[in-house]
Each structure stands twice: as structure tokens, then as C-alpha cells.
Amino acid sequence: TWLQFIICRTEDDGMVGDCGVRFPESAHDSPELGIALHPDHRRRGYATVAIQLMLNYLFGDLGVHRVAANTDPRNLSAIAVLNRLGLRQEAHHRLSHWQRGEWVDALIFAMLKEEWERQS
């Protein structure tokens, strides 16, 4: 089940994208983060703030043990955001994800609650 949040500018409430979290069926599996921004609003810090808020919610409010995210290795901006926030790359899956009509690689990033606590 995905729960999507709209990302809006504070100055005029204009929508710039969305940030979501997929809650797994098992309480012992990790929630997965996802984000999509309109091209006109990229590289302005919206993704960093949105994902940081999601991490705070998942670890701080819900007390989850681990949070994961995956991205296409060609998405250097997403990789930079995930690294900046302290998620570490755990895996590189070759041609494992069907996206926009082609098989692409997926980089898997994750963070444990204890890692989030150390940087908070």
C-alpha cells in the first residue's frame, strides 16, 4: 500500500511533486520511499526536505526499524539526495525494474533507525 503526500511550495501552495511511502504487508519488512518532482522544480531542495520529513515520520513517529529506497543508477540527483541524507547503498540489481518501456538497473539504498538516531 502506497501513501502519497503532495509536495507544495510554502509561498503559494503550488504543487511541485509528491513523496510516497509503501508500507509492506508484513510488519517486519521495510517501508520503501519514493519521490517524483516536476522537472521545473528539481534541484531546489524539495526532495531533500520531503525525504527528511518522511524519515523523521517513519523512524520518529512510527518507530520503524529500517527504511529503503531504490532508484535508477542514471538518476544522479536522486542518488545525491539519498547519500546526503545518510542512506547507504546496499545493492545494485541488474535489469530488475521495468520503467518507461525498458528494463533498467535498480540501486537499493537503506537506513536503520540507529543510523537515523546518530545523525539526528
N, C-alpha and C. Protein backbone atom coordinates (compact mmCIF):
# COMPACT_ATOMS: atom_id res chain seq x y z
N THR A 1 0.85 -1.18 0.00
CA THR A 1 0.00 0.00 0.00
C THR A 1 0.88 1.24 0.00
N TRP A 2 0.67 2.10 -0.97
CA TRP A 2 1.41 3.36 -1.05
C TRP A 2 0.58 4.49 -0.44
N LEU A 3 1.23 5.31 0.35
CA LEU A 3 0.63 6.52 0.90
C LEU A 3 1.39 7.69 0.29
N GLN A 4 0.70 8.51 -0.51
CA GLN A 4 1.34 9.62 -1.23
C GLN A 4 1.05 10.95 -0.54
N PHE A 5 2.07 11.79 -0.44
CA PHE A 5 1.94 13.14 0.08
C PHE A 5 2.29 14.12 -1.03
N ILE A 6 1.50 15.15 -1.18
CA ILE A 6 1.77 16.18 -2.17
C ILE A 6 2.82 17.13 -1.61
N ILE A 7 3.78 17.52 -2.42
CA ILE A 7 4.81 18.49 -2.03
C ILE A 7 4.41 19.83 -2.64
N CYS A 8 4.23 20.83 -1.79
CA CYS A 8 3.81 22.16 -2.24
C CYS A 8 4.81 23.21 -1.78
N ARG A 9 4.91 24.28 -2.56
CA ARG A 9 5.72 25.43 -2.17
C ARG A 9 5.02 26.15 -1.02
N THR A 10 5.78 26.65 -0.06
CA THR A 10 5.17 27.36 1.07
C THR A 10 4.65 28.73 0.66
N GLU A 11 5.29 29.37 -0.33
CA GLU A 11 4.91 30.74 -0.67
C GLU A 11 3.56 30.85 -1.37
N ASP A 12 3.16 29.80 -2.12
CA ASP A 12 1.90 29.93 -2.85
C ASP A 12 1.10 28.62 -2.92
N ASP A 13 1.53 27.62 -2.18
CA ASP A 13 0.89 26.30 -2.17
C ASP A 13 0.90 25.60 -3.53
N GLY A 14 1.74 26.06 -4.46
CA GLY A 14 1.84 25.41 -5.76
C GLY A 14 2.45 24.02 -5.63
N MET A 15 1.84 23.04 -6.28
CA MET A 15 2.33 21.67 -6.21
C MET A 15 3.60 21.51 -7.04
N VAL A 16 4.61 20.86 -6.45
CA VAL A 16 5.87 20.62 -7.15
C VAL A 16 6.12 19.13 -7.38
N GLY A 17 5.39 18.27 -6.68
CA GLY A 17 5.58 16.84 -6.85
C GLY A 17 4.90 16.07 -5.74
N ASP A 18 5.36 14.82 -5.55
CA ASP A 18 4.81 14.03 -4.46
C ASP A 18 5.89 13.14 -3.87
N CYS A 19 5.71 12.77 -2.63
CA CYS A 19 6.60 11.86 -1.92
C CYS A 19 5.73 10.78 -1.33
N GLY A 20 6.12 9.54 -1.51
CA GLY A 20 5.29 8.45 -1.03
C GLY A 20 6.08 7.45 -0.21
N VAL A 21 5.33 6.66 0.51
CA VAL A 21 5.90 5.55 1.27
C VAL A 21 5.02 4.33 1.04
N ARG A 22 5.68 3.22 0.75
CA ARG A 22 4.97 1.95 0.57
C ARG A 22 5.15 1.15 1.85
N PHE A 23 4.02 0.86 2.49
CA PHE A 23 4.06 0.05 3.70
C PHE A 23 3.90 -1.41 3.31
N PRO A 24 4.83 -2.26 3.71
CA PRO A 24 4.75 -3.68 3.34
C PRO A 24 3.64 -4.38 4.11
N GLU A 25 3.26 -5.54 3.62
CA GLU A 25 2.22 -6.32 4.29
C GLU A 25 2.69 -6.84 5.63
N SER A 26 3.95 -7.22 5.73
CA SER A 26 4.50 -7.73 6.98
C SER A 26 5.09 -6.59 7.80
N ALA A 27 4.81 -6.57 9.06
CA ALA A 27 5.35 -5.54 9.95
C ALA A 27 6.87 -5.65 10.08
N HIS A 28 7.44 -6.78 9.64
CA HIS A 28 8.88 -6.98 9.77
C HIS A 28 9.64 -6.60 8.49
N ASP A 29 8.93 -6.18 7.47
CA ASP A 29 9.58 -5.71 6.25
C ASP A 29 9.74 -4.20 6.31
N SER A 30 10.61 -3.66 5.46
CA SER A 30 10.93 -2.24 5.49
C SER A 30 10.00 -1.41 4.62
N PRO A 31 9.53 -0.27 5.13
CA PRO A 31 8.82 0.68 4.26
C PRO A 31 9.78 1.17 3.17
N GLU A 32 9.22 1.51 2.01
CA GLU A 32 10.01 1.98 0.88
C GLU A 32 9.58 3.40 0.51
N LEU A 33 10.56 4.29 0.36
CA LEU A 33 10.30 5.67 -0.04
C LEU A 33 10.31 5.83 -1.54
N GLY A 34 9.53 6.77 -2.03
CA GLY A 34 9.54 7.14 -3.45
C GLY A 34 9.24 8.62 -3.56
N ILE A 35 9.76 9.25 -4.60
CA ILE A 35 9.52 10.69 -4.80
C ILE A 35 9.51 10.99 -6.28
N ALA A 36 8.68 11.94 -6.66
CA ALA A 36 8.62 12.41 -8.05
C ALA A 36 8.41 13.92 -8.02
N LEU A 37 9.27 14.64 -8.71
CA LEU A 37 9.14 16.10 -8.80
C LEU A 37 8.96 16.50 -10.25
N HIS A 38 8.15 17.52 -10.47
CA HIS A 38 8.01 18.09 -11.81
C HIS A 38 9.39 18.63 -12.22
N PRO A 39 9.80 18.44 -13.48
CA PRO A 39 11.13 18.90 -13.91
C PRO A 39 11.42 20.37 -13.62
N ASP A 40 10.41 21.22 -13.64
CA ASP A 40 10.64 22.65 -13.36
C ASP A 40 11.03 22.93 -11.91
N HIS A 41 10.85 21.94 -11.03
CA HIS A 41 11.07 22.18 -9.60
C HIS A 41 12.19 21.33 -9.03
N ARG A 42 12.98 20.73 -9.88
CA ARG A 42 14.10 19.91 -9.41
C ARG A 42 15.29 20.80 -9.08
N ARG A 43 16.19 20.25 -8.25
CA ARG A 43 17.43 20.93 -7.84
C ARG A 43 17.17 22.20 -7.03
N ARG A 44 16.10 22.18 -6.24
CA ARG A 44 15.77 23.32 -5.38
C ARG A 44 15.65 22.92 -3.91
N GLY A 45 15.97 21.67 -3.60
CA GLY A 45 15.93 21.20 -2.23
C GLY A 45 14.63 20.55 -1.79
N TYR A 46 13.62 20.53 -2.66
CA TYR A 46 12.33 19.95 -2.28
C TYR A 46 12.45 18.46 -1.94
N ALA A 47 13.20 17.72 -2.73
CA ALA A 47 13.34 16.28 -2.49
C ALA A 47 14.04 16.02 -1.17
N THR A 48 15.08 16.77 -0.88
CA THR A 48 15.82 16.58 0.37
C THR A 48 14.91 16.83 1.56
N VAL A 49 14.17 17.93 1.54
CA VAL A 49 13.27 18.25 2.66
C VAL A 49 12.17 17.21 2.80
N ALA A 50 11.57 16.81 1.68
CA ALA A 50 10.46 15.85 1.73
C ALA A 50 10.93 14.50 2.27
N ILE A 51 12.05 14.02 1.80
CA ILE A 51 12.53 12.72 2.27
C ILE A 51 12.96 12.81 3.73
N GLN A 52 13.58 13.91 4.13
CA GLN A 52 13.95 14.08 5.54
C GLN A 52 12.71 14.04 6.44
N LEU A 53 11.65 14.72 6.01
CA LEU A 53 10.40 14.68 6.78
C LEU A 53 9.83 13.26 6.86
N MET A 54 9.91 12.53 5.76
CA MET A 54 9.42 11.15 5.75
C MET A 54 10.25 10.27 6.68
N LEU A 55 11.57 10.45 6.67
CA LEU A 55 12.43 9.68 7.59
C LEU A 55 12.09 10.00 9.03
N ASN A 56 11.91 11.27 9.34
CA ASN A 56 11.55 11.67 10.71
C ASN A 56 10.22 11.04 11.13
N TYR A 57 9.25 11.02 10.21
CA TYR A 57 7.94 10.43 10.49
C TYR A 57 8.06 8.92 10.71
N LEU A 58 8.75 8.24 9.79
CA LEU A 58 8.84 6.78 9.86
C LEU A 58 9.64 6.30 11.07
N PHE A 59 10.81 6.92 11.29
CA PHE A 59 11.63 6.50 12.42
C PHE A 59 11.14 7.09 13.74
N GLY A 60 10.85 8.39 13.74
CA GLY A 60 10.48 9.08 14.98
C GLY A 60 9.08 8.79 15.45
N ASP A 61 8.10 8.94 14.57
CA ASP A 61 6.70 8.76 14.96
C ASP A 61 6.25 7.30 14.94
N LEU A 62 6.63 6.58 13.88
CA LEU A 62 6.17 5.20 13.75
C LEU A 62 7.14 4.18 14.36
N GLY A 63 8.39 4.58 14.57
CA GLY A 63 9.37 3.69 15.17
C GLY A 63 9.78 2.51 14.32
N VAL A 64 9.77 2.68 12.99
CA VAL A 64 10.19 1.56 12.13
C VAL A 64 11.67 1.27 12.33
N HIS A 65 12.07 0.06 12.00
CA HIS A 65 13.46 -0.40 12.18
C HIS A 65 14.36 0.00 11.02
N ARG A 66 13.82 -0.01 9.78
CA ARG A 66 14.63 0.20 8.57
C ARG A 66 13.75 0.82 7.50
N VAL A 67 14.32 1.74 6.72
CA VAL A 67 13.62 2.37 5.59
C VAL A 67 14.49 2.15 4.35
N ALA A 68 13.85 1.83 3.24
CA ALA A 68 14.56 1.57 1.98
C ALA A 68 14.08 2.52 0.89
N ALA A 69 14.89 2.66 -0.14
CA ALA A 69 14.55 3.43 -1.34
C ALA A 69 15.31 2.81 -2.50
N ASN A 70 14.74 2.88 -3.69
CA ASN A 70 15.51 2.42 -4.85
C ASN A 70 15.40 3.45 -5.96
N THR A 71 16.43 3.46 -6.80
CA THR A 71 16.46 4.41 -7.90
C THR A 71 17.25 3.84 -9.06
N ASP A 72 17.00 4.37 -10.22
CA ASP A 72 17.76 4.05 -11.42
C ASP A 72 19.17 4.63 -11.25
N PRO A 73 20.22 3.88 -11.53
CA PRO A 73 21.58 4.39 -11.36
C PRO A 73 21.90 5.63 -12.22
N ARG A 74 21.08 5.87 -13.24
CA ARG A 74 21.30 7.06 -14.07
C ARG A 74 20.73 8.32 -13.41
N ASN A 75 19.95 8.17 -12.34
CA ASN A 75 19.34 9.30 -11.67
C ASN A 75 20.31 9.84 -10.61
N LEU A 76 21.31 10.57 -11.08
CA LEU A 76 22.37 11.06 -10.20
C LEU A 76 21.85 12.01 -9.13
N SER A 77 20.82 12.78 -9.44
CA SER A 77 20.24 13.70 -8.46
C SER A 77 19.62 12.93 -7.29
N ALA A 78 18.88 11.87 -7.60
CA ALA A 78 18.26 11.07 -6.54
C ALA A 78 19.33 10.40 -5.68
N ILE A 79 20.36 9.90 -6.32
CA ILE A 79 21.46 9.26 -5.57
C ILE A 79 22.11 10.27 -4.64
N ALA A 80 22.33 11.49 -5.12
CA ALA A 80 22.93 12.53 -4.29
C ALA A 80 22.06 12.85 -3.08
N VAL A 81 20.75 12.94 -3.29
CA VAL A 81 19.83 13.23 -2.17
C VAL A 81 19.89 12.10 -1.14
N LEU A 82 19.81 10.86 -1.60
CA LEU A 82 19.82 9.73 -0.67
C LEU A 82 21.14 9.68 0.11
N ASN A 83 22.25 9.90 -0.57
CA ASN A 83 23.55 9.93 0.12
C ASN A 83 23.61 11.09 1.12
N ARG A 84 23.14 12.25 0.71
CA ARG A 84 23.17 13.43 1.57
C ARG A 84 22.42 13.19 2.87
N LEU A 85 21.33 12.44 2.79
CA LEU A 85 20.50 12.18 3.96
C LEU A 85 20.99 10.99 4.79
N GLY A 86 22.06 10.34 4.33
CA GLY A 86 22.65 9.27 5.12
C GLY A 86 22.21 7.86 4.78
N LEU A 87 21.41 7.70 3.73
CA LEU A 87 21.07 6.35 3.31
C LEU A 87 22.29 5.76 2.60
N ARG A 88 22.52 4.49 2.81
CA ARG A 88 23.68 3.85 2.20
C ARG A 88 23.23 2.89 1.11
N GLN A 89 24.04 2.78 0.08
CA GLN A 89 23.71 1.84 -0.99
C GLN A 89 23.99 0.43 -0.51
N GLU A 90 22.98 -0.43 -0.64
CA GLU A 90 23.10 -1.82 -0.21
C GLU A 90 23.23 -2.80 -1.37
N ALA A 91 22.69 -2.42 -2.53
CA ALA A 91 22.69 -3.37 -3.64
C ALA A 91 22.58 -2.65 -4.98
N HIS A 92 22.99 -3.34 -6.02
CA HIS A 92 22.81 -2.91 -7.40
C HIS A 92 22.21 -4.10 -8.14
N HIS A 93 20.94 -4.00 -8.44
CA HIS A 93 20.24 -5.08 -9.13
C HIS A 93 20.24 -4.80 -10.63
N ARG A 94 20.76 -5.72 -11.40
CA ARG A 94 20.89 -5.55 -12.84
C ARG A 94 19.57 -5.85 -13.55
N LEU A 95 19.13 -4.89 -14.39
CA LEU A 95 17.94 -5.04 -15.24
C LEU A 95 16.77 -5.69 -14.48
N SER A 96 16.47 -5.14 -13.34
CA SER A 96 15.48 -5.75 -12.46
C SER A 96 14.18 -4.97 -12.35
N HIS A 97 14.11 -3.82 -12.99
CA HIS A 97 12.97 -2.93 -12.79
C HIS A 97 12.46 -2.46 -14.16
N TRP A 98 11.16 -2.66 -14.42
CA TRP A 98 10.55 -2.24 -15.67
C TRP A 98 10.11 -0.79 -15.52
N GLN A 99 10.69 0.09 -16.33
CA GLN A 99 10.41 1.53 -16.20
C GLN A 99 10.35 2.17 -17.57
N ARG A 100 9.23 2.81 -17.86
CA ARG A 100 9.05 3.54 -19.12
C ARG A 100 9.43 2.71 -20.35
N GLY A 101 8.97 1.46 -20.36
CA GLY A 101 9.14 0.62 -21.53
C GLY A 101 10.48 -0.07 -21.68
N GLU A 102 11.29 -0.10 -20.63
CA GLU A 102 12.58 -0.79 -20.72
C GLU A 102 12.98 -1.35 -19.36
N TRP A 103 13.79 -2.40 -19.40
CA TRP A 103 14.35 -2.94 -18.18
C TRP A 103 15.55 -2.07 -17.78
N VAL A 104 15.57 -1.67 -16.51
CA VAL A 104 16.67 -0.84 -16.01
C VAL A 104 17.22 -1.45 -14.73
N ASP A 105 18.44 -1.04 -14.40
CA ASP A 105 19.04 -1.43 -13.14
C ASP A 105 18.35 -0.69 -12.00
N ALA A 106 18.51 -1.19 -10.80
CA ALA A 106 17.98 -0.51 -9.61
C ALA A 106 19.06 -0.51 -8.53
N LEU A 107 19.31 0.66 -7.98
CA LEU A 107 20.18 0.77 -6.81
C LEU A 107 19.27 0.78 -5.59
N ILE A 108 19.62 -0.02 -4.60
CA ILE A 108 18.85 -0.12 -3.37
C ILE A 108 19.62 0.61 -2.27
N PHE A 109 18.94 1.57 -1.64
CA PHE A 109 19.51 2.33 -0.52
C PHE A 109 18.68 2.03 0.71
N ALA A 110 19.30 2.17 1.89
CA ALA A 110 18.55 1.94 3.13
C ALA A 110 19.20 2.68 4.28
N MET A 111 18.42 2.80 5.35
CA MET A 111 18.90 3.39 6.59
C MET A 111 18.22 2.65 7.74
N LEU A 112 18.99 2.38 8.79
CA LEU A 112 18.44 1.79 10.01
C LEU A 112 18.07 2.89 10.99
N LYS A 113 17.16 2.57 11.89
CA LYS A 113 16.74 3.56 12.89
C LYS A 113 17.93 4.05 13.70
N GLU A 114 18.84 3.18 14.06
CA GLU A 114 20.01 3.57 14.85
C GLU A 114 20.91 4.55 14.08
N GLU A 115 20.97 4.40 12.77
CA GLU A 115 21.76 5.35 11.95
C GLU A 115 21.07 6.71 11.93
N TRP A 116 19.75 6.70 11.80
CA TRP A 116 18.98 7.95 11.83
C TRP A 116 19.16 8.66 13.16
N GLU A 117 19.12 7.89 14.26
CA GLU A 117 19.28 8.47 15.60
C GLU A 117 20.65 9.10 15.78
N ARG A 118 21.69 8.48 15.24
CA ARG A 118 23.05 9.02 15.37
C ARG A 118 23.20 10.36 14.67
N GLN A 119 22.50 10.56 13.58
CA GLN A 119 22.65 11.82 12.83
C GLN A 119 21.62 12.88 13.23
N SER A 120 20.64 12.51 14.03
CA SER A 120 19.60 13.46 14.46
C SER A 120 20.09 14.35 15.58
